[in-house]
C-alpha atoms as a PDB file:
ATOM      1  CA  ALA A   1      -0.131   0.162   0.024  1.00  0.00           C
ATOM      2  CA  ASP A   2       2.948   2.327   0.697  1.00  0.00           C
ATOM      3  CA  TYR A   3       4.644   1.501  -2.455  1.00  0.00           C
ATOM      4  CA  ALA A   4       0.990   2.062  -3.934  1.00  0.00           C
ATOM      5  CA  ASP A   5       1.010   5.669  -2.443  1.00  0.00           C
ATOM      6  CA  ASP A   6       4.422   6.506  -3.772  1.00  0.00           C
ATOM      7  CA  LEU A   7       3.814   5.543  -7.111  1.00  0.00           C
ATOM      8  CA  ARG A   8       0.441   8.028  -7.030  1.00  0.00           C
ATOM      9  CA  THR A   9       2.656  10.653  -5.552  1.00  0.00           C
ATOM     10  CA  ALA A  10       5.054  10.087  -8.681  1.00  0.00           C
ATOM     11  CA  LEU A  11       2.259  10.055 -11.267  1.00  0.00           C
ATOM     12  CA  ALA A  12       1.328  13.634  -9.776  1.00  0.00           C
ATOM     13  CA  ALA A  13       4.442  15.095  -9.767  1.00  0.00           C
ATOM     14  CA  ILE A  14       4.504  13.722 -13.372  1.00  0.00           C
ATOM     15  CA  ARG A  15       1.634  15.530 -14.503  1.00  0.00           C
ATOM     16  CA  ARG A  16       0.815  13.952 -17.822  1.00  0.00           C
ATOM     17  CA  PRO A  17       0.139  10.297 -18.788  1.00  0.00           C
ATOM     18  CA  ALA A  18       2.556   7.535 -17.834  1.00  0.00           C
ATOM     19  CA  VAL A  19       2.737   4.000 -19.081  1.00  0.00           C
ATOM     20  CA  LEU A  20       3.808   1.812 -15.883  1.00  0.00           C
ATOM     21  CA  VAL A  21       6.260  -0.803 -16.338  1.00  0.00           C
ATOM     22  CA  GLY A  22       6.304  -3.204 -13.429  1.00  0.00           C
ATOM     23  CA  HIS A  23       8.137  -6.384 -12.639  1.00  0.00           C
ATOM     24  CA  SER A  24       7.196  -9.185  -9.966  1.00  0.00           C
ATOM     25  CA  LEU A  25       5.884  -6.960  -6.839  1.00  0.00           C
ATOM     26  CA  GLY A  26       6.318  -3.962  -8.872  1.00  0.00           C
ATOM     27  CA  ALA A  27       3.887  -5.217 -11.155  1.00  0.00           C
ATOM     28  CA  LEU A  28       1.261  -6.074  -8.313  1.00  0.00           C
ATOM     29  CA  VAL A  29       1.942  -2.071  -7.261  1.00  0.00           C
ATOM     30  CA  ALA A  30       1.078  -1.009 -11.106  1.00  0.00           C
ATOM     31  CA  GLN A  31      -2.006  -3.170 -10.790  1.00  0.00           C
ATOM     32  CA  ARG A  32      -3.307  -1.472  -7.836  1.00  0.00           C
ATOM     33  CA  VAL A  33      -3.161   1.937  -9.478  1.00  0.00           C
ATOM     34  CA  LEU A  34      -4.135   1.220 -12.619  1.00  0.00           C
ATOM     35  CA  ALA A  35      -7.392   3.206 -12.346  1.00  0.00           C
ATOM     36  CA  GLU A  36      -5.498   6.365 -11.597  1.00  0.00           C
ATOM     37  CA  PRO A  37      -6.339   9.095 -14.163  1.00  0.00           C
ATOM     38  CA  GLY A  38      -2.179   9.200 -14.735  1.00  0.00           C
ATOM     39  CA  VAL A  39      -1.873   5.940 -15.793  1.00  0.00           C
ATOM     40  CA  ALA A  40      -1.965   5.565 -19.808  1.00  0.00           C
ATOM     41  CA  GLY A  41      -1.585   1.780 -19.726  1.00  0.00           C
ATOM     42  CA  ALA A  42       0.835  -0.891 -18.018  1.00  0.00           C
ATOM     43  CA  VAL A  43       3.191  -3.661 -18.901  1.00  0.00           C
ATOM     44  CA  LEU A  44       3.530  -6.470 -16.541  1.00  0.00           C
ATOM     45  CA  LEU A  45       6.756  -8.531 -16.249  1.00  0.00           C
ATOM     46  CA  ALA A  46       6.499 -11.900 -14.198  1.00  0.00           C
ATOM     47  CA  PRO A  47       3.274 -10.039 -12.090  1.00  0.00           C
ATOM     48  CA  ALA A  48       2.390 -10.947  -8.866  1.00  0.00           C
ATOM     49  CA  PRO A  49      -1.225 -11.890  -9.485  1.00  0.00           C
ATOM     50  CA  PRO A  50      -4.329 -10.174  -8.146  1.00  0.00           C
ATOM     51  CA  GLU A  51      -5.055 -13.056  -6.072  1.00  0.00           C
ATOM     52  CA  GLY A  52      -2.097 -12.863  -4.232  1.00  0.00           C
ATOM     53  CA  LEU A  53       1.018 -15.013  -3.972  1.00  0.00           C
ATOM     54  CA  ALA A  54       0.073 -17.486  -1.077  1.00  0.00           C
ATOM     55  CA  TRP A  55      -0.595 -20.387  -3.576  1.00  0.00           C
ATOM     56  CA  ALA A  56       2.631 -19.754  -5.366  1.00  0.00           C
ATOM     57  CA  ASN A  57       4.692 -19.495  -2.438  1.00  0.00           C
ATOM     58  CA  TRP A  58       2.878 -22.584  -1.036  1.00  0.00           C
ATOM     59  CA  ARG A  59       4.000 -24.333  -4.144  1.00  0.00           C
ATOM     60  CA  LEU A  60       7.631 -23.026  -4.262  1.00  0.00           C
ATOM     61  CA  ALA A  61       8.293 -24.055  -0.537  1.00  0.00           C
ATOM     62  CA  VAL A  62       6.870 -27.864  -1.683  1.00  0.00           C
ATOM     63  CA  ALA A  63       8.625 -28.224  -4.863  1.00  0.00           C
ATOM     64  CA  ASP A  64      12.158 -26.235  -4.049  1.00  0.00           C
ATOM     65  CA  PRO A  65      12.542 -25.739  -0.164  1.00  0.00           C
ATOM     66  CA  PRO A  66      16.177 -24.182  -0.720  1.00  0.00           C
ATOM     67  CA  LEU A  67      14.969 -21.912  -3.264  1.00  0.00           C
ATOM     68  CA  TRP A  68      12.065 -20.728  -0.835  1.00  0.00           C
ATOM     69  CA  ARG A  69      14.237 -20.185   2.220  1.00  0.00           C
ATOM     70  CA  ALA A  70      16.687 -17.742   0.154  1.00  0.00           C
ATOM     71  CA  VAL A  71      13.902 -15.786  -1.463  1.00  0.00           C
ATOM     72  CA  ALA A  72      12.008 -15.806   1.861  1.00  0.00           C
ATOM     73  CA  ARG A  73      15.332 -14.494   3.655  1.00  0.00           C
ATOM     74  CA  MET A  74      15.676 -11.825   0.930  1.00  0.00           C
ATOM     75  CA  THR A  75      13.521  -9.816   3.478  1.00  0.00           C
ATOM     76  CA  GLU A  76      15.890  -9.941   6.212  1.00  0.00           C
ATOM     77  CA  SER A  77      19.290  -8.881   4.996  1.00  0.00           C
ATOM     78  CA  ARG A  78      21.431  -8.698   2.007  1.00  0.00           C
ATOM     79  CA  ILE A  79      22.040 -12.650   0.362  1.00  0.00           C
ATOM     80  CA  THR A  80      25.014 -14.737   1.636  1.00  0.00           C
ATOM     81  CA  GLU A  81      27.101 -16.795  -0.732  1.00  0.00           C
ATOM     82  CA  GLY A  82      25.210 -19.739  -0.120  1.00  0.00           C
ATOM     83  CA  GLU A  83      22.185 -18.480  -0.803  1.00  0.00           C
ATOM     84  CA  ALA A  84      23.600 -16.891  -4.096  1.00  0.00           C
ATOM     85  CA  GLU A  85      23.661 -19.944  -6.224  1.00  0.00           C
ATOM     86  CA  THR A  86      20.507 -21.055  -5.061  1.00  0.00           C
ATOM     87  CA  LEU A  87      18.971 -17.788  -5.920  1.00  0.00           C
ATOM     88  CA  ARG A  88      21.088 -17.773  -9.316  1.00  0.00           C
ATOM     89  CA  ARG A  89      19.340 -20.839 -10.272  1.00  0.00           C
ATOM     90  CA  GLY A  90      15.773 -19.907  -9.174  1.00  0.00           C
ATOM     91  CA  LEU A  91      15.766 -16.258 -10.698  1.00  0.00           C
ATOM     92  CA  PHE A  92      17.797 -16.881 -14.102  1.00  0.00           C
ATOM     93  CA  SER A  93      17.815 -19.012 -16.803  1.00  0.00           C
ATOM     94  CA  ALA A  94      20.372 -21.644 -16.910  1.00  0.00           C
ATOM     95  CA  ALA A  95      22.448 -20.268 -19.756  1.00  0.00           C
ATOM     96  CA  MET A  96      22.801 -17.113 -17.842  1.00  0.00           C
ATOM     97  CA  PRO A  97      26.820 -16.644 -16.975  1.00  0.00           C
ATOM     98  CA  GLU A  98      27.662 -17.361 -13.415  1.00  0.00           C
ATOM     99  CA  ALA A  99      29.546 -13.858 -13.191  1.00  0.00           C
ATOM    100  CA  LEU A 100      26.873 -12.064 -14.738  1.00  0.00           C
ATOM    101  CA  ALA A 101      24.298 -13.327 -12.377  1.00  0.00           C
ATOM    102  CA  MET A 102      26.116 -13.155  -9.375  1.00  0.00           C
ATOM    103  CA  ARG A 103      26.986  -9.302 -10.314  1.00  0.00           C
ATOM    104  CA  HIS A 104      23.283  -8.804 -10.529  1.00  0.00           C
ATOM    105  CA  LEU A 105      22.626 -10.741  -7.513  1.00  0.00           C
ATOM    106  CA  ARG A 106      25.361  -8.765  -5.465  1.00  0.00           C
ATOM    107  CA  ARG A 107      22.970  -5.431  -6.023  1.00  0.00           C
ATOM    108  CA  LEU A 108      19.668  -6.844  -4.993  1.00  0.00           C
ATOM    109  CA  GLY A 109      18.194  -4.977  -1.733  1.00  0.00           C
ATOM    110  CA  GLY A 110      16.184  -6.373   1.117  1.00  0.00           C
ATOM    111  CA  GLU A 111      12.784  -6.585   0.227  1.00  0.00           C
ATOM    112  CA  SER A 112       9.965  -5.228   2.386  1.00  0.00           C
ATOM    113  CA  ARG A 113       8.915  -7.810   4.410  1.00  0.00           C
ATOM    114  CA  VAL A 114       5.218  -5.926   5.052  1.00  0.00           C
ATOM    115  CA  ALA A 115       5.092  -5.631   1.451  1.00  0.00           C
ATOM    116  CA  VAL A 116       6.032  -9.342   0.757  1.00  0.00           C
ATOM    117  CA  LEU A 117       3.297 -10.373   3.544  1.00  0.00           C
ATOM    118  CA  GLU A 118       0.408  -8.004   2.154  1.00  0.00           C
ATOM    119  CA  ALA A 119       1.397  -9.334  -1.409  1.00  0.00           C
ATOM    120  CA  GLN A 120       0.286 -12.750  -0.232  1.00  0.00           C
ATOM    121  CA  ALA A 121      -3.402 -12.148   0.291  1.00  0.00           C
ATOM    122  CA  PRO A 122      -5.823 -11.253  -2.644  1.00  0.00           C
ATOM    123  CA  GLN A 123      -5.567  -7.664  -3.668  1.00  0.00           C
ATOM    124  CA  ALA A 124      -7.960  -4.793  -4.797  1.00  0.00           C
ATOM    125  CA  VAL A 125      -7.045  -4.709  -8.609  1.00  0.00           C
ATOM    126  CA  PRO A 126      -9.339  -3.224 -10.923  1.00  0.00           C
ATOM    127  CA  PRO A 127      -9.189  -5.149 -14.354  1.00  0.00           C
ATOM    128  CA  ALA A 128      -7.994  -3.179 -16.861  1.00  0.00           C
ATOM    129  CA  TRP A 129     -10.647  -3.500 -19.107  1.00  0.00           C
ATOM    130  CA  SER A 130     -12.907  -1.909 -16.761  1.00  0.00           C
ATOM    131  CA  VAL A 131     -11.101   0.953 -16.288  1.00  0.00           C
ATOM    132  CA  GLY A 132     -10.219   1.501 -20.072  1.00  0.00           C
ATOM    133  CA  LYS A 133      -6.373   0.975 -19.877  1.00  0.00           C
ATOM    134  CA  PRO A 134      -4.401  -1.150 -22.380  1.00  0.00           C
ATOM    135  CA  LEU A 135      -2.327  -3.828 -20.695  1.00  0.00           C
ATOM    136  CA  VAL A 136       0.062  -6.592 -21.637  1.00  0.00           C
ATOM    137  CA  VAL A 137       1.602  -9.286 -19.423  1.00  0.00           C
ATOM    138  CA  PHE A 138       4.944 -11.355 -20.047  1.00  0.00           C
ATOM    139  CA  GLY A 139       6.156 -14.193 -17.851  1.00  0.00           C
ATOM    140  CA  ALA A 140       8.757 -16.317 -17.957  1.00  0.00           C
ATOM    141  CA  ARG A 141       7.523 -20.118 -18.787  1.00  0.00           C
ATOM    142  CA  ARG A 142       9.756 -22.013 -16.382  1.00  0.00           C
ATOM    143  CA  ASP A 143       9.354 -18.986 -13.505  1.00  0.00           C
ATOM    144  CA  ARG A 144       9.764 -20.831 -10.142  1.00  0.00           C
ATOM    145  CA  LEU A 145       8.322 -17.608  -8.218  1.00  0.00           C
ATOM    146  CA  VAL A 146       5.628 -16.366 -10.539  1.00  0.00           C
ATOM    147  CA  PRO A 147       4.678 -19.646 -12.231  1.00  0.00           C
ATOM    148  CA  ALA A 148       3.232 -19.417 -15.802  1.00  0.00           C
ATOM    149  CA  ASP A 149      -0.469 -20.575 -14.613  1.00  0.00           C
ATOM    150  CA  ALA A 150      -0.156 -17.238 -12.585  1.00  0.00           C
ATOM    151  CA  VAL A 151       0.647 -15.146 -15.541  1.00  0.00           C
ATOM    152  CA  VAL A 152      -1.873 -16.637 -17.420  1.00  0.00           C
ATOM    153  CA  ARG A 153      -4.541 -16.052 -14.842  1.00  0.00           C
ATOM    154  CA  THR A 154      -3.347 -12.286 -14.650  1.00  0.00           C
ATOM    155  CA  ALA A 155      -3.680 -11.621 -17.931  1.00  0.00           C
ATOM    156  CA  ALA A 156      -7.128 -13.244 -18.067  1.00  0.00           C
ATOM    157  CA  TRP A 157      -8.162 -11.056 -15.011  1.00  0.00           C
ATOM    158  CA  HIS A 158      -7.221  -8.173 -17.186  1.00  0.00           C
ATOM    159  CA  ALA A 159      -8.445  -9.641 -20.348  1.00  0.00           C
ATOM    160  CA  ALA A 160      -5.031  -8.601 -21.747  1.00  0.00           C
ATOM    161  CA  PRO A 161      -2.769 -10.224 -24.379  1.00  0.00           C
ATOM    162  CA  PHE A 162       0.185 -12.117 -22.546  1.00  0.00           C
ATOM    163  CA  ALA A 163       3.361 -13.868 -23.626  1.00  0.00           C
ATOM    164  CA  LEU A 164       5.187 -16.683 -21.920  1.00  0.00           C
ATOM    165  CA  LEU A 165       8.758 -16.544 -22.958  1.00  0.00           C
ATOM    166  CA  ASP A 166      11.155 -19.557 -23.203  1.00  0.00           C
ATOM    167  CA  GLY A 167      14.766 -19.271 -21.844  1.00  0.00           C
ATOM    168  CA  ALA A 168      14.061 -16.204 -19.493  1.00  0.00           C
ATOM    169  CA  GLY A 169      13.799 -16.693 -15.737  1.00  0.00           C
ATOM    170  CA  HIS A 170      11.943 -14.586 -12.891  1.00  0.00           C
ATOM    171  CA  LEU A 171      14.569 -11.686 -13.451  1.00  0.00           C
ATOM    172  CA  MET A 172      13.785 -11.386 -17.441  1.00  0.00           C
ATOM    173  CA  MET A 173      14.669  -7.905 -17.639  1.00  0.00           C
ATOM    174  CA  LEU A 174      18.311  -8.847 -16.745  1.00  0.00           C
ATOM    175  CA  ASP A 175      18.620 -12.237 -18.074  1.00  0.00           C
ATOM    176  CA  LEU A 176      19.887 -13.144 -21.531  1.00  0.00           C
ATOM    177  CA  GLY A 177      17.572 -12.417 -24.029  1.00  0.00           C
ATOM    178  CA  TRP A 178      16.334  -9.181 -22.421  1.00  0.00           C
ATOM    179  CA  GLU A 179      16.762  -7.132 -25.590  1.00  0.00           C
ATOM    180  CA  ALA A 180      14.321  -9.288 -27.414  1.00  0.00           C
ATOM    181  CA  LEU A 181      11.636  -8.492 -24.562  1.00  0.00           C
ATOM    182  CA  ALA A 182      12.756  -4.647 -24.825  1.00  0.00           C
ATOM    183  CA  ASP A 183      11.800  -5.293 -28.551  1.00  0.00           C
ATOM    184  CA  ARG A 184       8.402  -6.802 -27.457  1.00  0.00           C
ATOM    185  CA  VAL A 185       7.490  -3.965 -25.123  1.00  0.00           C
ATOM    186  CA  THR A 186       8.334  -1.485 -27.447  1.00  0.00           C
ATOM    187  CA  ALA A 187       6.495  -2.870 -30.234  1.00  0.00           C
ATOM    188  CA  TRP A 188       3.423  -3.318 -28.059  1.00  0.00           C
ATOM    189  CA  LEU A 189       3.677   0.380 -26.892  1.00  0.00           C
ATOM    190  CA  GLU A 190       4.118   1.815 -30.604  1.00  0.00           C
ATOM    191  CA  GLU A 191       1.033  -0.442 -31.510  1.00  0.00           C
ATOM    192  CA  THR A 192      -1.033   0.397 -28.558  1.00  0.00           C
ATOM    193  CA  VAL A 193      -0.082   3.668 -26.320  1.00  0.00           C
ATOM    194  CA  ARG A 194      -0.368   6.663 -28.758  1.00  0.00           C
END
């Protein structure tokens, strides 16, 4: 809720329509402010779904306990070297060079525990179609944190086009092939948002 308030403040300061591009928890924040007059549309990358993350979180805990623990610890402090390898496997594609992945992981800050807990529950998210805002959704087909079915449900909620990308991890905007994703986002913006 605090992030959504901050975003509303930023939109008011911009004083012209903006297209929101949000990743994961940031995509949930974008969805929560979609009805704001300053929002022209949104691009959601590996979005936390309107239904909340509880189901995805539970599935991760059962399917990959070490990754679940490493992700959960991101709310406590910076990651340790032991967790870094687990996070690399969970956040990036297998093709991502280890050195590059580790460089990105070292830059990650702690996640807000309150925001992560709040994101577990269903959210007050207006469907994009109901507020007349264009929206597109991109997910990674083998994302362990936001599974493909959650991406599809998010797109369905908004009646929005979506794509599941092969060869990308959860951090798709940093992974190998990010340029192709950027090209798709740019093409959607040029076609949809004037």
